[in-house]
Amino acid sequence: VTMVSLWDAMVWCNALSELLGRRPAYTTDEAGSQVLRQAVQFRLEMFKGETAPNYAFRTNLPKHWTIHTGAYVPVYLRATADGFRLPLPGEWMVANQPAEGVDPLDAEWLAGNSGGQTQPVGTRKPNAAGLFDMEGNVVELMWGSTAAGIDAAPRRLGSYFYRGYRERHPSIDASEHAAVGRAHVGFRVVTREPLQ
């Protein structure tokens, strides 16, 4: 799946969690009582306006400042929830270990073999953890800063169909709004065993 935003992915994770009777991981309040169920869609008119929500959660601004915009929506992760969620960057990196002796072009859809477009998932060789497409096909959304917004891109890891193996482009990778979907960005989910 591509053309999904960070918020699309979080809402999808919560919907799947609720469908399967698990506790959703993403909420819109620190207490964890308000489940995130609506994705914010990117629109220029959301940046400022009298009718836009008033948020003061940005960690890089003084606490007494407020921002009148629908482009900033605080989202909180309930790490103890057994619902589906995006991986943490550290979890993703642990799972992203290449299989020994396997050429990256045999395991990943990259610029050298993808034809410049996404390909069916799981059609190359798996990595050491048995996972497919960790460093190719699409860049993957992570749970990173809750302050992802106009000036802070959501965390994304991996390479994709138009780049080389483990190739990064810091200026491009760090300049996308959290509500914008891209053809080269997708996501995978993780969960934990239900608490007994």
N, C-alpha and C. Protein backbone atom coordinates (compact mmCIF):
# COMPACT_ATOMS: atom_id res chain seq x y z
N VAL A 1 0.86 -1.18 0.00
CA VAL A 1 0.00 0.00 0.00
C VAL A 1 0.90 1.23 0.00
N THR A 2 0.64 2.15 -0.91
CA THR A 2 1.36 3.42 -0.94
C THR A 2 0.34 4.55 -0.95
N MET A 3 0.84 5.78 -1.03
CA MET A 3 0.01 6.98 -1.01
C MET A 3 -0.79 7.08 0.30
N VAL A 4 -0.23 6.57 1.37
CA VAL A 4 -0.85 6.70 2.68
C VAL A 4 0.04 7.61 3.53
N SER A 5 -0.59 8.40 4.37
CA SER A 5 0.15 9.30 5.25
C SER A 5 0.41 8.62 6.59
N LEU A 6 1.18 9.29 7.42
CA LEU A 6 1.41 8.79 8.78
C LEU A 6 0.09 8.62 9.51
N TRP A 7 -0.81 9.61 9.40
CA TRP A 7 -2.10 9.51 10.08
C TRP A 7 -2.96 8.40 9.49
N ASP A 8 -2.93 8.23 8.17
CA ASP A 8 -3.66 7.11 7.56
C ASP A 8 -3.22 5.78 8.19
N ALA A 9 -1.90 5.60 8.31
CA ALA A 9 -1.36 4.35 8.83
C ALA A 9 -1.77 4.13 10.29
N MET A 10 -1.73 5.19 11.10
CA MET A 10 -2.10 5.04 12.51
C MET A 10 -3.58 4.72 12.67
N VAL A 11 -4.43 5.40 11.89
CA VAL A 11 -5.88 5.13 11.95
C VAL A 11 -6.17 3.70 11.48
N TRP A 12 -5.48 3.24 10.44
CA TRP A 12 -5.66 1.88 9.95
C TRP A 12 -5.26 0.87 11.02
N CYS A 13 -4.13 1.11 11.70
CA CYS A 13 -3.70 0.22 12.78
C CYS A 13 -4.75 0.14 13.88
N ASN A 14 -5.31 1.29 14.26
CA ASN A 14 -6.34 1.30 15.30
C ASN A 14 -7.60 0.58 14.84
N ALA A 15 -7.99 0.77 13.58
CA ALA A 15 -9.19 0.11 13.07
C ALA A 15 -9.01 -1.41 13.07
N LEU A 16 -7.86 -1.89 12.64
CA LEU A 16 -7.59 -3.33 12.66
C LEU A 16 -7.58 -3.86 14.09
N SER A 17 -7.00 -3.09 15.00
CA SER A 17 -6.98 -3.50 16.41
C SER A 17 -8.39 -3.64 16.95
N GLU A 18 -9.24 -2.65 16.70
CA GLU A 18 -10.61 -2.71 17.20
C GLU A 18 -11.40 -3.85 16.54
N LEU A 19 -11.18 -4.07 15.26
CA LEU A 19 -11.85 -5.15 14.54
C LEU A 19 -11.54 -6.51 15.16
N LEU A 20 -10.29 -6.68 15.62
CA LEU A 20 -9.86 -7.96 16.17
C LEU A 20 -9.90 -8.01 17.70
N GLY A 21 -10.53 -7.00 18.32
CA GLY A 21 -10.71 -7.02 19.76
C GLY A 21 -9.46 -6.70 20.57
N ARG A 22 -8.54 -5.99 19.98
CA ARG A 22 -7.32 -5.59 20.70
C ARG A 22 -7.41 -4.12 21.09
N ARG A 23 -6.57 -3.71 22.04
CA ARG A 23 -6.56 -2.32 22.49
C ARG A 23 -5.80 -1.45 21.50
N PRO A 24 -6.42 -0.43 20.91
CA PRO A 24 -5.73 0.45 19.96
C PRO A 24 -4.52 1.13 20.60
N ALA A 25 -3.49 1.30 19.80
CA ALA A 25 -2.23 1.86 20.31
C ALA A 25 -2.17 3.38 20.25
N TYR A 26 -2.96 4.00 19.36
CA TYR A 26 -2.84 5.45 19.15
C TYR A 26 -4.06 6.19 19.69
N THR A 27 -3.79 7.23 20.47
CA THR A 27 -4.85 8.04 21.04
C THR A 27 -4.56 9.51 20.80
N THR A 28 -5.57 10.34 21.03
CA THR A 28 -5.39 11.79 20.87
C THR A 28 -5.28 12.49 22.21
N ASP A 29 -5.18 11.73 23.29
CA ASP A 29 -4.99 12.33 24.61
C ASP A 29 -3.94 11.52 25.37
N GLU A 30 -3.23 12.20 26.26
CA GLU A 30 -2.16 11.55 27.01
C GLU A 30 -2.66 10.41 27.89
N ALA A 31 -3.88 10.52 28.39
CA ALA A 31 -4.44 9.49 29.27
C ALA A 31 -4.74 8.20 28.51
N GLY A 32 -4.83 8.27 27.19
CA GLY A 32 -5.08 7.08 26.39
C GLY A 32 -6.53 6.69 26.29
N SER A 33 -7.44 7.62 26.54
CA SER A 33 -8.87 7.28 26.52
C SER A 33 -9.55 7.64 25.20
N GLN A 34 -8.97 8.51 24.40
CA GLN A 34 -9.58 8.95 23.14
C GLN A 34 -8.85 8.29 21.96
N VAL A 35 -9.44 7.24 21.41
CA VAL A 35 -8.82 6.49 20.32
C VAL A 35 -8.77 7.34 19.06
N LEU A 36 -7.63 7.34 18.39
CA LEU A 36 -7.48 8.04 17.11
C LEU A 36 -8.26 7.29 16.04
N ARG A 37 -9.26 7.94 15.46
CA ARG A 37 -10.09 7.27 14.45
C ARG A 37 -10.22 8.08 13.16
N GLN A 38 -9.65 9.26 13.12
CA GLN A 38 -9.79 10.09 11.93
C GLN A 38 -8.42 10.58 11.48
N ALA A 39 -8.11 10.35 10.21
CA ALA A 39 -6.84 10.80 9.66
C ALA A 39 -6.98 12.23 9.16
N VAL A 40 -5.98 13.03 9.43
CA VAL A 40 -5.96 14.40 8.95
C VAL A 40 -5.46 14.39 7.51
N GLN A 41 -6.22 14.98 6.62
CA GLN A 41 -5.81 15.08 5.22
C GLN A 41 -5.13 16.42 4.98
N PHE A 42 -4.07 16.41 4.21
CA PHE A 42 -3.30 17.62 3.96
C PHE A 42 -4.06 18.58 3.06
N ARG A 43 -4.26 19.80 3.54
CA ARG A 43 -4.86 20.87 2.76
C ARG A 43 -4.19 22.17 3.18
N LEU A 44 -3.89 23.04 2.23
CA LEU A 44 -3.23 24.30 2.56
C LEU A 44 -4.04 25.13 3.54
N GLU A 45 -5.37 25.07 3.41
CA GLU A 45 -6.21 25.88 4.29
C GLU A 45 -6.17 25.40 5.74
N MET A 46 -5.53 24.25 5.98
CA MET A 46 -5.44 23.74 7.35
C MET A 46 -4.35 24.43 8.16
N PHE A 47 -3.43 25.10 7.48
CA PHE A 47 -2.31 25.67 8.21
C PHE A 47 -2.73 26.69 9.26
N LYS A 48 -3.60 27.60 8.89
CA LYS A 48 -4.03 28.61 9.86
C LYS A 48 -5.49 28.94 9.64
N GLY A 49 -6.13 29.41 10.66
CA GLY A 49 -7.51 29.82 10.53
C GLY A 49 -8.22 29.88 11.86
N GLU A 50 -9.21 30.73 11.94
CA GLU A 50 -9.93 30.92 13.20
C GLU A 50 -10.66 29.66 13.64
N THR A 51 -11.08 28.83 12.71
CA THR A 51 -11.84 27.64 13.08
C THR A 51 -10.95 26.42 13.30
N ALA A 52 -9.64 26.57 13.10
CA ALA A 52 -8.73 25.43 13.27
C ALA A 52 -8.51 25.15 14.75
N PRO A 53 -8.21 23.91 15.08
CA PRO A 53 -7.94 23.59 16.49
C PRO A 53 -6.76 24.38 17.05
N ASN A 54 -6.71 24.48 18.34
CA ASN A 54 -5.68 25.23 19.04
C ASN A 54 -4.81 24.24 19.80
N TYR A 55 -3.60 23.99 19.32
CA TYR A 55 -2.72 23.00 19.94
C TYR A 55 -1.50 23.67 20.54
N ALA A 56 -1.04 23.17 21.67
CA ALA A 56 0.17 23.68 22.30
C ALA A 56 1.08 22.54 22.70
N PHE A 57 1.04 21.45 21.96
CA PHE A 57 1.79 20.26 22.37
C PHE A 57 3.19 20.21 21.80
N ARG A 58 3.54 21.11 20.89
CA ARG A 58 4.83 21.02 20.21
C ARG A 58 5.97 21.13 21.22
N THR A 59 6.84 20.14 21.23
CA THR A 59 7.92 20.12 22.22
C THR A 59 9.02 21.11 21.91
N ASN A 60 9.13 21.58 20.67
CA ASN A 60 10.17 22.53 20.34
C ASN A 60 9.72 23.98 20.47
N LEU A 61 8.54 24.21 21.03
CA LEU A 61 8.04 25.56 21.27
C LEU A 61 7.77 25.75 22.76
N PRO A 62 7.82 26.99 23.23
CA PRO A 62 7.47 27.24 24.64
C PRO A 62 6.08 26.72 24.94
N LYS A 63 5.89 26.16 26.12
CA LYS A 63 4.62 25.52 26.47
C LYS A 63 3.44 26.48 26.44
N HIS A 64 3.68 27.78 26.64
CA HIS A 64 2.56 28.71 26.66
C HIS A 64 2.13 29.15 25.25
N TRP A 65 2.90 28.76 24.23
CA TRP A 65 2.51 29.09 22.86
C TRP A 65 1.41 28.16 22.39
N THR A 66 0.56 28.66 21.53
CA THR A 66 -0.46 27.81 20.93
C THR A 66 -0.41 27.99 19.41
N ILE A 67 -0.88 27.00 18.71
CA ILE A 67 -0.86 27.02 17.25
C ILE A 67 -2.28 26.79 16.78
N HIS A 68 -2.82 27.73 16.02
CA HIS A 68 -4.18 27.61 15.51
C HIS A 68 -4.12 26.99 14.12
N THR A 69 -4.14 25.70 14.06
CA THR A 69 -4.06 25.01 12.79
C THR A 69 -4.52 23.57 12.91
N GLY A 70 -5.13 23.06 11.85
CA GLY A 70 -5.51 21.66 11.80
C GLY A 70 -4.39 20.77 11.31
N ALA A 71 -3.24 21.36 10.98
CA ALA A 71 -2.12 20.57 10.48
C ALA A 71 -1.33 19.91 11.60
N TYR A 72 -1.48 20.39 12.81
CA TYR A 72 -0.83 19.78 13.96
C TYR A 72 -1.87 19.07 14.80
N VAL A 73 -1.77 17.79 14.91
CA VAL A 73 -2.71 17.02 15.73
C VAL A 73 -1.88 16.12 16.64
N PRO A 74 -1.98 16.30 17.94
CA PRO A 74 -1.19 15.45 18.83
C PRO A 74 -1.69 14.02 18.81
N VAL A 75 -0.76 13.09 18.72
CA VAL A 75 -1.08 11.66 18.77
C VAL A 75 -0.14 11.02 19.78
N TYR A 76 -0.68 10.14 20.60
CA TYR A 76 0.10 9.49 21.65
C TYR A 76 0.09 7.98 21.42
N LEU A 77 1.20 7.35 21.73
CA LEU A 77 1.33 5.90 21.59
C LEU A 77 1.18 5.25 22.96
N ARG A 78 0.26 4.29 23.05
CA ARG A 78 0.14 3.47 24.26
C ARG A 78 1.00 2.24 24.03
N ALA A 79 2.21 2.28 24.53
CA ALA A 79 3.18 1.20 24.27
C ALA A 79 2.75 -0.14 24.86
N THR A 80 1.91 -0.14 25.88
CA THR A 80 1.49 -1.38 26.51
C THR A 80 0.27 -2.01 25.82
N ALA A 81 -0.31 -1.31 24.85
CA ALA A 81 -1.49 -1.85 24.16
C ALA A 81 -1.10 -3.06 23.32
N ASP A 82 -2.02 -3.99 23.18
CA ASP A 82 -1.75 -5.18 22.36
C ASP A 82 -2.26 -5.01 20.93
N GLY A 83 -2.66 -3.79 20.58
CA GLY A 83 -3.12 -3.51 19.22
C GLY A 83 -1.97 -3.36 18.24
N PHE A 84 -2.33 -3.19 16.99
CA PHE A 84 -1.34 -3.04 15.93
C PHE A 84 -0.82 -1.61 15.90
N ARG A 85 0.45 -1.47 15.53
CA ARG A 85 1.08 -0.15 15.48
C ARG A 85 2.23 -0.18 14.50
N LEU A 86 2.75 1.01 14.22
CA LEU A 86 3.96 1.13 13.42
C LEU A 86 5.15 0.73 14.28
N PRO A 87 6.20 0.20 13.68
CA PRO A 87 7.37 -0.15 14.48
C PRO A 87 8.08 1.09 15.02
N LEU A 88 8.74 0.92 16.13
CA LEU A 88 9.67 1.94 16.61
C LEU A 88 10.92 1.83 15.75
N PRO A 89 11.65 2.93 15.54
CA PRO A 89 12.85 2.85 14.72
C PRO A 89 13.83 1.76 15.18
N GLY A 90 14.01 1.61 16.49
CA GLY A 90 14.92 0.58 17.00
C GLY A 90 14.45 -0.82 16.68
N GLU A 91 13.14 -1.06 16.75
CA GLU A 91 12.59 -2.37 16.40
C GLU A 91 12.82 -2.67 14.93
N TRP A 92 12.58 -1.67 14.11
CA TRP A 92 12.75 -1.84 12.67
C TRP A 92 14.22 -2.15 12.34
N MET A 93 15.13 -1.45 12.98
CA MET A 93 16.55 -1.66 12.70
C MET A 93 17.01 -3.06 13.12
N VAL A 94 16.50 -3.55 14.24
CA VAL A 94 16.84 -4.91 14.69
C VAL A 94 16.33 -5.93 13.67
N ALA A 95 15.14 -5.70 13.13
CA ALA A 95 14.56 -6.63 12.16
C ALA A 95 15.18 -6.50 10.77
N ASN A 96 15.90 -5.43 10.54
CA ASN A 96 16.46 -5.16 9.21
C ASN A 96 17.90 -5.66 9.10
N GLN A 97 18.08 -6.95 9.22
CA GLN A 97 19.41 -7.57 9.08
C GLN A 97 19.43 -8.39 7.80
N PRO A 98 20.40 -8.12 6.92
CA PRO A 98 20.44 -8.86 5.66
C PRO A 98 20.73 -10.34 5.87
N ALA A 99 20.20 -11.15 5.00
CA ALA A 99 20.51 -12.59 5.03
C ALA A 99 21.95 -12.78 4.57
N GLU A 100 22.66 -13.65 5.24
CA GLU A 100 24.08 -13.88 4.94
C GLU A 100 24.25 -14.43 3.53
N GLY A 101 25.15 -13.80 2.78
CA GLY A 101 25.49 -14.28 1.45
C GLY A 101 24.48 -13.98 0.36
N VAL A 102 23.48 -13.15 0.65
CA VAL A 102 22.46 -12.82 -0.35
C VAL A 102 22.73 -11.43 -0.91
N ASP A 103 22.82 -11.34 -2.23
CA ASP A 103 23.03 -10.06 -2.90
C ASP A 103 21.80 -9.18 -2.68
N PRO A 104 21.99 -7.87 -2.35
CA PRO A 104 20.83 -6.99 -2.15
C PRO A 104 19.84 -6.99 -3.31
N LEU A 105 20.31 -7.12 -4.54
CA LEU A 105 19.39 -7.13 -5.68
C LEU A 105 18.58 -8.42 -5.77
N ASP A 106 18.99 -9.45 -5.04
CA ASP A 106 18.20 -10.68 -4.97
C ASP A 106 17.17 -10.62 -3.85
N ALA A 107 17.35 -9.66 -2.95
CA ALA A 107 16.47 -9.56 -1.78
C ALA A 107 15.57 -8.33 -1.79
N GLU A 108 15.92 -7.31 -2.53
CA GLU A 108 15.20 -6.04 -2.45
C GLU A 108 14.84 -5.51 -3.84
N TRP A 109 13.73 -4.77 -3.91
CA TRP A 109 13.37 -4.06 -5.13
C TRP A 109 14.00 -2.69 -5.05
N LEU A 110 15.05 -2.49 -5.84
CA LEU A 110 15.82 -1.25 -5.82
C LEU A 110 15.89 -0.66 -7.23
N ALA A 111 16.64 0.43 -7.37
CA ALA A 111 16.75 1.09 -8.67
C ALA A 111 17.29 0.15 -9.74
N GLY A 112 18.14 -0.80 -9.37
CA GLY A 112 18.76 -1.68 -10.34
C GLY A 112 17.89 -2.81 -10.86
N ASN A 113 16.71 -3.05 -10.24
CA ASN A 113 15.90 -4.19 -10.69
C ASN A 113 14.39 -3.96 -10.65
N SER A 114 13.95 -2.78 -10.22
CA SER A 114 12.52 -2.56 -10.01
C SER A 114 11.80 -1.97 -11.20
N GLY A 115 12.55 -1.47 -12.19
CA GLY A 115 11.90 -0.79 -13.30
C GLY A 115 11.34 0.56 -12.90
N GLY A 116 11.81 1.11 -11.76
CA GLY A 116 11.38 2.43 -11.31
C GLY A 116 9.97 2.48 -10.76
N GLN A 117 9.48 1.36 -10.24
CA GLN A 117 8.13 1.34 -9.66
C GLN A 117 8.04 0.25 -8.59
N THR A 118 6.98 0.32 -7.79
CA THR A 118 6.79 -0.71 -6.77
C THR A 118 6.52 -2.05 -7.44
N GLN A 119 6.81 -3.10 -6.68
CA GLN A 119 6.63 -4.46 -7.16
C GLN A 119 5.83 -5.25 -6.12
N PRO A 120 5.29 -6.41 -6.48
CA PRO A 120 4.54 -7.21 -5.49
C PRO A 120 5.40 -7.55 -4.27
N VAL A 121 4.83 -7.40 -3.12
CA VAL A 121 5.54 -7.64 -1.85
C VAL A 121 5.84 -9.12 -1.69
N GLY A 122 7.02 -9.42 -1.14
CA GLY A 122 7.38 -10.79 -0.82
C GLY A 122 7.82 -11.63 -2.00
N THR A 123 8.22 -10.99 -3.09
CA THR A 123 8.63 -11.75 -4.27
C THR A 123 10.14 -11.84 -4.42
N ARG A 124 10.90 -11.26 -3.51
CA ARG A 124 12.35 -11.40 -3.49
C ARG A 124 12.70 -12.29 -2.30
N LYS A 125 13.98 -12.50 -2.05
CA LYS A 125 14.40 -13.34 -0.93
C LYS A 125 14.21 -12.60 0.40
N PRO A 126 13.87 -13.31 1.47
CA PRO A 126 13.70 -12.66 2.78
C PRO A 126 15.04 -12.32 3.41
N ASN A 127 14.99 -11.44 4.43
CA ASN A 127 16.21 -11.11 5.16
C ASN A 127 16.45 -12.15 6.26
N ALA A 128 17.42 -11.89 7.13
CA ALA A 128 17.79 -12.85 8.17
C ALA A 128 16.64 -13.15 9.13
N ALA A 129 15.71 -12.21 9.30
CA ALA A 129 14.57 -12.41 10.19
C ALA A 129 13.37 -13.02 9.47
N GLY A 130 13.53 -13.32 8.18
CA GLY A 130 12.42 -13.88 7.41
C GLY A 130 11.46 -12.84 6.88
N LEU A 131 11.85 -11.57 6.93
CA LEU A 131 10.99 -10.47 6.48
C LEU A 131 11.37 -10.04 5.07
N PHE A 132 10.39 -9.57 4.32
CA PHE A 132 10.60 -9.17 2.94
C PHE A 132 10.60 -7.66 2.79
N ASP A 133 11.37 -7.17 1.82
CA ASP A 133 11.32 -5.76 1.39
C ASP A 133 11.67 -4.76 2.49
N MET A 134 12.52 -5.11 3.40
CA MET A 134 12.89 -4.17 4.47
C MET A 134 13.72 -3.00 3.94
N GLU A 135 14.51 -3.23 2.92
CA GLU A 135 15.37 -2.16 2.38
C GLU A 135 15.04 -1.85 0.93
N GLY A 136 13.89 -2.21 0.48
CA GLY A 136 13.53 -1.93 -0.90
C GLY A 136 12.03 -1.85 -1.08
N ASN A 137 11.62 -1.59 -2.28
CA ASN A 137 10.23 -1.43 -2.68
C ASN A 137 9.69 -0.07 -2.21
N VAL A 138 9.45 0.12 -0.91
CA VAL A 138 9.02 1.43 -0.41
C VAL A 138 9.74 1.77 0.89
N VAL A 139 9.89 3.06 1.15
CA VAL A 139 10.37 3.55 2.43
C VAL A 139 9.25 3.30 3.43
N GLU A 140 9.58 2.96 4.69
CA GLU A 140 8.54 2.58 5.65
C GLU A 140 8.39 3.60 6.77
N LEU A 141 7.13 3.91 7.07
CA LEU A 141 6.81 4.83 8.17
C LEU A 141 7.11 4.18 9.50
N MET A 142 7.61 4.98 10.43
CA MET A 142 7.91 4.53 11.79
C MET A 142 7.12 5.40 12.77
N TRP A 143 6.99 4.92 13.98
CA TRP A 143 6.53 5.79 15.05
C TRP A 143 7.75 6.56 15.52
N GLY A 144 7.71 7.88 15.36
CA GLY A 144 8.83 8.72 15.76
C GLY A 144 8.32 9.85 16.62
N SER A 145 8.51 11.07 16.16
CA SER A 145 8.09 12.25 16.91
C SER A 145 6.58 12.42 16.83
N THR A 146 5.97 12.71 17.97
CA THR A 146 4.54 13.04 17.97
C THR A 146 4.34 14.43 17.40
N ALA A 147 5.42 15.17 17.21
CA ALA A 147 5.34 16.53 16.69
C ALA A 147 5.52 16.58 15.18
N ALA A 148 5.42 15.44 14.50
CA ALA A 148 5.54 15.46 13.04
C ALA A 148 4.49 16.38 12.47
N GLY A 149 4.89 17.28 11.63
CA GLY A 149 3.95 18.25 11.08
C GLY A 149 4.57 19.02 9.95
N ILE A 150 4.22 20.28 9.84
CA ILE A 150 4.68 21.10 8.73
C ILE A 150 6.20 21.13 8.65
N ASP A 151 6.84 21.25 9.78
CA ASP A 151 8.30 21.43 9.77
C ASP A 151 9.05 20.24 10.35
N ALA A 152 8.40 19.10 10.51
CA ALA A 152 9.08 17.92 11.05
C ALA A 152 8.49 16.68 10.40
N ALA A 153 9.28 16.03 9.58
CA ALA A 153 8.79 14.86 8.85
C ALA A 153 8.60 13.69 9.79
N PRO A 154 7.62 12.83 9.51
CA PRO A 154 7.54 11.58 10.27
C PRO A 154 8.77 10.74 9.97
N ARG A 155 9.14 9.91 10.90
CA ARG A 155 10.33 9.06 10.73
C ARG A 155 10.05 7.99 9.69
N ARG A 156 10.97 7.83 8.75
CA ARG A 156 10.85 6.80 7.73
C ARG A 156 12.21 6.14 7.55
N LEU A 157 12.20 4.83 7.35
CA LEU A 157 13.45 4.09 7.19
C LEU A 157 13.37 3.16 5.98
N GLY A 158 14.54 2.77 5.51
CA GLY A 158 14.64 1.87 4.38
C GLY A 158 14.87 2.62 3.09
N SER A 159 15.18 1.87 2.07
CA SER A 159 15.34 2.44 0.74
C SER A 159 14.08 2.13 -0.05
N TYR A 160 14.09 2.42 -1.35
CA TYR A 160 12.91 2.13 -2.15
C TYR A 160 13.27 1.90 -3.60
N PHE A 161 12.26 1.71 -4.42
CA PHE A 161 12.43 1.25 -5.80
C PHE A 161 13.24 2.18 -6.70
N TYR A 162 13.50 3.39 -6.30
CA TYR A 162 14.23 4.33 -7.15
C TYR A 162 15.60 4.70 -6.57
N ARG A 163 16.02 3.99 -5.52
CA ARG A 163 17.31 4.24 -4.89
C ARG A 163 18.11 2.94 -4.81
N GLY A 164 19.37 3.10 -4.40
CA GLY A 164 20.22 1.94 -4.21
C GLY A 164 20.05 1.35 -2.81
N TYR A 165 20.76 0.28 -2.55
CA TYR A 165 20.67 -0.44 -1.28
C TYR A 165 21.12 0.46 -0.12
N ARG A 166 20.24 0.61 0.87
CA ARG A 166 20.49 1.43 2.06
C ARG A 166 20.92 2.85 1.71
N GLU A 167 20.42 3.35 0.61
CA GLU A 167 20.73 4.72 0.18
C GLU A 167 19.74 5.69 0.81
N ARG A 168 20.26 6.77 1.38
CA ARG A 168 19.41 7.78 2.03
C ARG A 168 19.60 9.12 1.34
N HIS A 169 18.61 9.99 1.49
CA HIS A 169 18.68 11.36 0.97
C HIS A 169 18.11 12.25 2.06
N PRO A 170 18.96 12.70 3.00
CA PRO A 170 18.47 13.41 4.19
C PRO A 170 17.54 14.58 3.91
N SER A 171 17.84 15.41 2.92
CA SER A 171 17.00 16.59 2.70
C SER A 171 15.61 16.21 2.20
N ILE A 172 15.52 15.19 1.36
CA ILE A 172 14.20 14.75 0.87
C ILE A 172 13.48 13.97 1.96
N ASP A 173 14.17 13.09 2.65
CA ASP A 173 13.54 12.25 3.66
C ASP A 173 13.04 13.03 4.86
N ALA A 174 13.50 14.25 5.04
CA ALA A 174 13.12 15.02 6.23
C ALA A 174 12.25 16.22 5.91
N SER A 175 11.54 16.19 4.79
CA SER A 175 10.80 17.40 4.43
C SER A 175 9.36 17.14 4.00
N GLU A 176 8.77 16.08 4.47
CA GLU A 176 7.40 15.76 4.08
C GLU A 176 6.45 15.94 5.25
N HIS A 177 5.29 16.48 4.97
CA HIS A 177 4.27 16.66 6.00
C HIS A 177 3.69 15.31 6.39
N ALA A 178 3.33 15.16 7.64
CA ALA A 178 2.81 13.89 8.14
C ALA A 178 1.48 13.49 7.52
N ALA A 179 0.78 14.42 6.89
CA ALA A 179 -0.52 14.11 6.29
C ALA A 179 -0.44 13.90 4.78
N VAL A 180 0.77 13.84 4.24
CA VAL A 180 0.94 13.67 2.80
C VAL A 180 1.35 12.24 2.49
N GLY A 181 0.69 11.61 1.55
CA GLY A 181 1.07 10.29 1.09
C GLY A 181 1.96 10.39 -0.13
N ARG A 182 2.85 9.44 -0.29
CA ARG A 182 3.76 9.43 -1.44
C ARG A 182 3.78 8.03 -2.06
N ALA A 183 4.11 7.97 -3.35
CA ALA A 183 4.15 6.70 -4.07
C ALA A 183 5.29 5.81 -3.61
N HIS A 184 6.28 6.37 -2.94
CA HIS A 184 7.44 5.58 -2.50
C HIS A 184 7.43 5.32 -0.99
N VAL A 185 6.33 5.63 -0.32
CA VAL A 185 6.24 5.46 1.13
C VAL A 185 5.10 4.50 1.47
N GLY A 186 5.38 3.53 2.33
CA GLY A 186 4.38 2.59 2.79
C GLY A 186 4.58 2.30 4.27
N PHE A 187 4.02 1.21 4.76
CA PHE A 187 4.20 0.88 6.18
C PHE A 187 4.01 -0.61 6.41
N ARG A 188 4.56 -1.08 7.53
CA ARG A 188 4.28 -2.42 8.03
C ARG A 188 3.89 -2.27 9.48
N VAL A 189 3.24 -3.27 10.03
CA VAL A 189 2.76 -3.16 11.40
C VAL A 189 3.40 -4.21 12.29
N VAL A 190 3.41 -3.90 13.57
CA VAL A 190 3.86 -4.84 14.60
C VAL A 190 2.79 -4.90 15.68
N THR A 191 2.86 -5.93 16.50
CA THR A 191 1.95 -6.05 17.63
C THR A 191 2.66 -6.86 18.70
N ARG A 192 2.06 -6.92 19.85
CA ARG A 192 2.60 -7.76 20.93
C ARG A 192 1.54 -8.77 21.30
N GLU A 193 1.94 -9.81 21.94
CA GLU A 193 0.97 -10.81 22.36
C GLU A 193 -0.02 -10.17 23.33
N PRO A 194 -1.29 -10.54 23.27
CA PRO A 194 -2.28 -9.98 24.20
C PRO A 194 -1.85 -10.21 25.66
N LEU A 195 -2.07 -9.20 26.49
CA LEU A 195 -1.74 -9.32 27.91
C LEU A 195 -2.72 -10.27 28.57
N GLN A 196 -2.23 -11.14 29.43
CA GLN A 196 -3.09 -12.12 30.10
C GLN A 196 -3.67 -11.58 31.37
